[in-house]
Protein backbone atom coordinates (compact mmCIF):
# COMPACT_ATOMS: atom_id res chain seq x y z
CA MET A 1 -16.73 0.47 50.84
CA ALA A 2 -13.33 -0.47 49.44
CA TYR A 3 -15.03 -2.30 46.59
CA GLN A 4 -16.83 0.77 45.32
CA SER A 5 -13.90 3.16 45.60
CA GLY A 6 -11.61 0.73 43.82
CA PHE A 7 -13.93 -0.75 41.24
CA GLY A 8 -11.88 0.76 38.41
CA ASP A 9 -9.03 -1.61 39.25
CA LEU A 10 -11.36 -4.55 38.77
CA LEU A 11 -12.47 -3.31 35.37
CA GLU A 12 -9.12 -2.17 34.03
CA PRO A 13 -7.63 -5.49 32.78
CA GLY A 14 -10.67 -6.27 30.65
CA LEU A 15 -11.02 -2.72 29.37
CA HIS A 16 -7.34 -2.61 28.49
CA LYS A 17 -7.80 -5.68 26.31
CA ILE A 18 -10.78 -4.08 24.59
CA PHE A 19 -8.68 -0.97 23.93
CA ASP A 20 -5.83 -3.00 22.42
CA ASP A 21 -8.14 -5.14 20.30
CA LYS A 22 -10.02 -2.16 18.88
CA TYR A 23 -6.86 -0.17 18.25
CA ASN A 24 -5.48 -2.98 16.10
CA GLU A 25 -8.81 -3.67 14.40
CA LEU A 26 -8.00 -1.56 11.36
CA GLY A 27 -4.49 -1.14 10.05
CA GLU A 28 -2.97 2.35 9.91
CA VAL A 29 -2.18 3.71 6.46
CA PHE A 30 0.66 6.08 7.27
CA PRO A 31 3.29 3.35 7.94
CA GLN A 32 3.05 2.57 4.21
CA LEU A 33 4.19 6.12 3.42
CA PHE A 34 6.56 7.15 6.23
CA HIS A 35 9.72 5.72 7.71
CA VAL A 36 8.41 4.84 11.19
CA GLU A 37 10.99 4.95 13.97
CA SER A 38 11.04 4.96 17.76
CA SER A 39 12.56 7.74 19.83
CA VAL A 40 13.82 7.86 23.41
CA LYS A 41 14.38 11.64 23.47
CA ASN A 42 12.12 14.67 23.67
CA GLU A 43 12.97 15.49 20.05
CA GLU A 44 14.91 14.17 17.08
CA GLN A 45 17.17 16.21 14.85
CA ASP A 46 18.21 15.38 11.33
CA SER A 47 20.96 16.99 9.33
CA ALA A 48 22.62 16.21 6.03
CA VAL A 49 25.75 16.91 4.02
CA SER A 50 25.83 16.68 0.25
CA GLY A 51 27.79 14.16 -1.75
CA PHE A 52 30.17 15.03 -4.57
CA GLY A 53 30.02 15.82 -8.27
CA TYR A 54 31.39 13.73 -11.13
CA LEU A 55 34.95 12.51 -10.87
CA SER A 56 37.51 14.59 -12.75
CA ALA A 57 39.68 13.14 -15.50
CA THR A 58 43.21 13.11 -14.06
CA GLY A 59 46.36 12.60 -16.08
CA GLU A 60 49.27 10.44 -15.02
CA GLY A 61 51.16 12.13 -12.21
CA GLU A 62 48.62 14.96 -11.91
CA ALA A 63 47.27 16.02 -8.52
CA ILE A 64 43.83 14.96 -7.41
CA GLN A 65 41.19 17.67 -7.50
CA TYR A 66 39.57 18.00 -4.09
CA GLU A 67 35.96 19.04 -3.60
CA ASP A 68 34.20 20.11 -0.42
CA PRO A 69 30.80 18.70 0.48
CA VAL A 70 28.00 21.21 1.12
CA GLN A 71 26.17 21.53 4.43
CA MET A 72 22.47 20.97 3.79
CA TYR A 73 19.49 21.67 6.05
CA ASP A 74 18.72 20.81 9.67
CA VAL A 75 15.28 19.55 10.67
CA THR A 76 13.92 19.08 14.20
CA TYR A 77 11.11 16.67 15.06
CA ARG A 78 9.48 17.65 18.38
CA HIS A 79 7.28 15.01 19.96
CA LEU A 80 3.93 16.42 21.02
CA LYS A 81 1.57 14.80 23.52
CA TYR A 82 -2.03 13.87 22.67
CA THR A 83 -4.53 12.67 25.27
CA LYS A 84 -8.20 11.88 25.84
CA GLY A 85 -10.08 10.29 28.73
CA PHE A 86 -13.44 9.31 30.18
CA LYS A 87 -14.95 8.87 33.63
CA VAL A 88 -17.21 6.16 35.02
CA SER A 89 -19.28 6.66 38.17
CA GLU A 90 -19.98 4.05 40.80
CA GLU A 91 -23.64 4.22 39.95
CA LEU A 92 -23.04 3.59 36.26
CA TYR A 93 -20.88 0.62 37.12
CA GLU A 94 -23.52 -0.74 39.49
CA ASP A 95 -26.45 -0.22 37.10
CA ASP A 96 -24.81 -0.94 33.74
CA LEU A 97 -27.10 -3.45 32.03
CA TYR A 98 -26.20 -2.49 28.46
CA ASN A 99 -22.44 -2.98 28.26
CA ILE A 100 -21.85 0.78 28.19
CA ILE A 101 -18.58 0.66 30.11
CA ALA A 102 -17.06 -1.95 27.80
CA LYS A 103 -17.79 0.25 24.78
CA LYS A 104 -15.87 3.23 26.12
CA PRO A 105 -12.32 1.86 25.66
CA ALA A 106 -13.22 0.79 22.12
CA ALA A 107 -14.23 4.37 21.31
CA LEU A 108 -11.05 5.69 22.93
CA ALA A 109 -8.94 3.27 20.88
CA ARG A 110 -10.59 4.40 17.67
CA SER A 111 -9.93 8.01 18.65
CA ALA A 112 -6.23 7.27 19.22
CA ARG A 113 -5.86 5.54 15.88
CA ARG A 114 -7.77 8.25 14.02
CA THR A 115 -5.64 10.93 15.67
CA ARG A 116 -2.43 9.39 14.40
CA GLU A 117 -3.84 8.97 10.90
CA TYR A 118 -5.16 12.54 10.88
CA TYR A 119 -1.87 14.15 11.86
CA ALA A 120 0.19 11.98 9.55
CA ALA A 121 -2.07 12.93 6.64
CA GLN A 122 -1.50 16.62 7.34
CA VAL A 123 1.96 16.28 5.80
CA PHE A 124 0.24 15.71 2.44
CA VAL A 125 -2.86 17.81 3.12
CA ASN A 126 -0.55 20.81 3.58
CA ALA A 127 2.01 19.76 0.97
CA PHE A 128 1.25 22.76 -1.26
CA SER A 129 0.22 25.34 1.29
CA SER A 130 1.92 25.21 4.71
CA GLY A 131 4.45 23.44 6.88
CA THR A 132 7.88 24.28 5.48
CA GLY A 133 10.88 21.97 5.56
CA GLY A 134 14.53 22.69 6.26
CA ASP A 135 14.88 24.60 2.99
CA GLY A 136 12.01 26.93 3.90
CA LYS A 137 9.69 25.55 1.20
CA TYR A 138 6.57 23.41 1.24
CA LEU A 139 6.94 19.67 0.78
CA CYS A 140 5.80 20.04 -2.84
CA SER A 141 7.31 23.20 -4.26
CA THR A 142 8.43 24.52 -7.63
CA LEU A 143 11.24 26.48 -5.97
CA HIS A 144 13.34 24.17 -3.81
CA PRO A 145 16.78 25.83 -3.46
CA ARG A 146 19.98 23.87 -3.92
CA ALA A 147 22.43 24.03 -1.05
CA ASP A 148 25.31 24.54 -3.50
CA GLY A 149 23.61 27.60 -5.00
CA GLY A 150 22.64 25.84 -8.23
CA THR A 151 19.35 26.18 -10.09
CA SER A 152 16.32 25.60 -7.89
CA GLN A 153 14.33 22.42 -8.39
CA SER A 154 10.67 21.46 -8.51
CA ASN A 155 8.79 18.44 -7.20
CA ALA A 156 5.36 19.91 -7.90
CA ASN A 157 3.53 20.27 -11.18
CA ALA A 158 3.20 23.95 -12.10
CA SER A 159 -0.08 23.35 -13.96
CA GLY A 160 -1.87 21.23 -11.37
CA VAL A 161 -2.42 18.42 -13.87
CA THR A 162 -5.21 15.95 -13.16
CA LEU A 163 -4.61 12.24 -12.76
CA THR A 164 -4.69 10.78 -16.25
CA LYS A 165 -2.57 8.31 -18.21
CA THR A 166 -0.63 11.12 -19.90
CA ASN A 167 -0.18 13.12 -16.72
CA LEU A 168 0.92 10.08 -14.75
CA GLU A 169 3.76 9.74 -17.24
CA THR A 170 4.54 13.44 -16.75
CA GLY A 171 4.91 12.89 -13.01
CA LEU A 172 7.02 9.76 -13.39
CA VAL A 173 9.41 11.48 -15.77
CA ALA A 174 9.61 14.57 -13.54
CA MET A 175 10.53 12.45 -10.56
CA ARG A 176 13.28 10.70 -12.53
CA GLY A 177 14.79 14.15 -13.14
CA GLN A 178 15.28 15.03 -9.48
CA LEU A 179 18.86 16.02 -8.57
CA ASP A 180 20.82 16.16 -5.34
CA ASP A 181 22.43 19.33 -3.94
CA LYS A 182 25.44 18.85 -6.19
CA GLY A 183 23.27 18.64 -9.30
CA MET A 184 23.71 14.87 -9.62
CA LYS A 185 20.92 12.52 -10.67
CA ILE A 186 19.59 10.52 -7.74
CA MET A 187 17.73 7.90 -9.81
CA ALA A 188 14.39 8.57 -8.13
CA LYS A 189 11.70 6.18 -9.33
CA ALA A 190 8.17 6.25 -7.98
CA LYS A 191 6.80 3.05 -6.50
CA THR A 192 3.69 4.41 -4.76
CA LEU A 193 0.78 6.40 -6.15
CA LEU A 194 -0.98 8.18 -3.27
CA VAL A 195 -4.51 9.43 -3.93
CA PRO A 196 -7.63 10.52 -2.04
CA MET A 197 -10.56 8.13 -2.03
CA ASP A 198 -12.15 10.20 -4.84
CA LEU A 199 -9.36 9.10 -7.22
CA GLU A 200 -9.05 5.50 -6.02
CA LYS A 201 -10.99 4.03 -8.94
CA GLU A 202 -9.14 6.04 -11.58
CA ALA A 203 -5.76 5.26 -10.02
CA ASN A 204 -6.42 1.53 -10.02
CA ILE A 205 -7.64 1.60 -13.61
CA LEU A 206 -4.43 3.34 -14.65
CA VAL A 207 -1.98 0.99 -12.94
CA ASN A 208 -3.82 -2.32 -12.62
CA SER A 209 -5.48 -2.74 -16.03
CA GLN A 210 -3.88 -5.45 -18.15
CA LEU A 211 -4.46 -3.54 -21.38
CA ARG A 212 -3.97 0.13 -22.10
CA PRO A 213 -6.67 2.01 -20.16
CA GLY A 214 -9.10 4.31 -21.97
CA SER A 215 -8.25 2.93 -25.40
CA THR A 216 -9.85 0.47 -27.85
CA ASN A 217 -6.38 -0.66 -28.86
CA ASN A 218 -5.07 -3.84 -27.30
CA ASP A 219 -1.71 -2.34 -26.32
CA TYR A 220 -0.39 -3.71 -23.07
CA ASN A 221 -0.56 -1.37 -20.08
CA TYR A 222 3.00 -0.22 -19.45
CA TYR A 223 2.09 0.84 -15.90
CA GLU A 224 0.56 -2.47 -14.83
CA GLY A 225 2.14 -3.54 -11.54
CA MET A 226 4.59 -0.62 -11.61
CA LEU A 227 2.96 1.35 -8.80
CA LYS A 228 1.22 0.49 -5.57
CA VAL A 229 -1.96 2.50 -5.17
CA VAL A 230 -2.55 3.85 -1.67
CA SER A 231 -5.92 5.52 -1.17
CA TRP A 232 -6.14 7.53 2.05
CA ASP A 233 -9.46 8.71 3.45
CA TYR A 234 -7.70 11.41 5.47
CA LEU A 235 -6.58 13.37 2.41
CA THR A 236 -8.92 16.34 2.17
CA SER A 237 -8.30 17.41 -1.44
CA THR A 238 -10.42 15.47 -3.93
CA THR A 239 -7.94 16.10 -6.76
CA ALA A 240 -4.35 16.15 -5.42
CA TRP A 241 -2.17 13.12 -6.12
CA PHE A 242 1.38 12.16 -5.24
CA LEU A 243 4.17 9.88 -6.37
CA ILE A 244 6.56 8.46 -3.77
CA ASP A 245 9.82 6.56 -4.04
CA GLU A 246 9.65 4.43 -0.90
CA GLY A 247 13.37 3.69 -0.98
CA LEU A 248 14.46 7.29 -1.39
CA HIS A 249 11.96 9.55 0.37
CA GLU A 250 12.75 11.24 3.69
CA LEU A 251 9.27 11.25 5.28
CA TYR A 252 9.52 10.37 8.97
CA TRP A 253 7.19 9.45 11.80
CA PHE A 254 8.70 9.15 15.29
CA ASN A 255 6.91 7.23 18.03
CA ARG A 256 7.95 8.57 21.42
CA VAL A 257 5.08 6.90 23.31
CA LEU A 258 2.72 4.49 21.56
CA PRO A 259 -0.98 4.83 22.48
CA GLU A 260 -1.39 3.55 26.04
CA PHE A 261 -4.47 2.92 28.18
CA LYS A 262 -4.32 3.80 31.90
CA GLN A 263 -6.71 3.91 34.87
CA ASP A 264 -6.94 5.72 38.19
CA ASN A 265 -9.60 6.30 40.87
CA SER A 266 -10.99 9.32 42.68
CA PHE A 267 -11.61 8.34 46.31
CA ASP A 268 -13.77 11.37 47.10
CA THR A 269 -16.14 11.09 44.14
CA GLY A 270 -15.99 7.37 43.50
CA MET A 271 -15.22 8.00 39.84
CA ALA A 272 -13.01 5.69 37.83
CA LEU A 273 -10.81 7.65 35.44
CA TYR A 274 -9.51 6.24 32.16
CA LYS A 275 -7.24 7.84 29.61
CA THR A 276 -5.19 7.23 26.54
CA ARG A 277 -1.95 9.05 25.87
CA THR A 278 0.51 9.09 23.01
CA ARG A 279 3.47 11.19 21.86
CA PHE A 280 4.76 11.46 18.34
CA SER A 281 6.19 13.75 15.68
CA LYS A 282 6.11 13.71 11.90
CA GLY A 283 7.49 15.55 8.91
CA TRP A 284 10.20 15.31 6.28
CA SER A 285 13.94 15.80 6.23
CA ASP A 286 14.16 16.26 2.46
CA TRP A 287 11.62 16.66 -0.34
CA ARG A 288 13.33 14.33 -2.77
CA GLY A 289 11.58 11.07 -3.48
CA VAL A 290 8.19 12.84 -3.45
CA TRP A 291 6.36 14.50 -6.35
CA GLY A 292 2.88 15.98 -6.31
CA SER A 293 0.20 17.73 -8.31
CA LYS A 294 -2.73 19.70 -6.87
CA GLY A 295 -4.78 18.09 -9.63
CA ASP A 296 -7.07 21.09 -9.96
CA GLY A 297 -5.83 22.33 -13.33
CA GLN A 298 -4.69 25.61 -11.79
CA ALA A 299 -1.26 27.22 -12.07
CA TYR A 300 0.93 26.65 -9.03
CA ALA A 301 4.22 28.27 -8.11
CA SER A 302 5.46 28.34 -4.54
């Protein structure tokens, strides 16, 4: 009965195609927000050294003033493994009149894609509450220390302002004030407005209206076309919103193993075994280039 014990091999090419097609059916959101890179190691490490302060005025013949850079923070990205599988019996294969087997890889592909979206979103879901970075603070914190010992910085609104025209301006201005670890302006400028689906309508009204939103005046909308709105169903807060400078942020996603579909057989039981497997890591190397508000109108300091 070689046919029965090896039937999984006969099914695998077609099921693999179904898996690939379904996985690519809907685009992933997180690549719009993270720097996505590949890795060939079990983990990735990121470290940084500060730049320098303003140049010093130096008279003719005077010695140059030397300045030491400051060691910043180390961050390690460890690639975790995520798996899921299903089994198909000989009898199911023989009696399948309703295309059940063909539906299984599609469901597995959706699970793989949803898993990656879910874990990527946790970076923002936990931005105010858990998951510290190299400086020991949350992604969005009012107390980010400076490596040179200078005054701590904030990339979170201390009042949890809601998403409105006025508060959007507050966030944009706050982001422009971000400094590096030598106290120098980094010229951060938000290009992405990240919101949960509950704020998608309001966000688009604010940045895509031709005229000034919420006003009977015919002033032009200063924010029109300034920001790309990204609405993410995997954000669990209905009020939190974020600004991101896509050219400056240090949010990273490392693909160690992209979702793969594999098959094996059990000779004794006649079961065909199918699985998907992926390895990845995510996080941030620096908070700069990101600004957030819990959007709940409550005081926040952490």
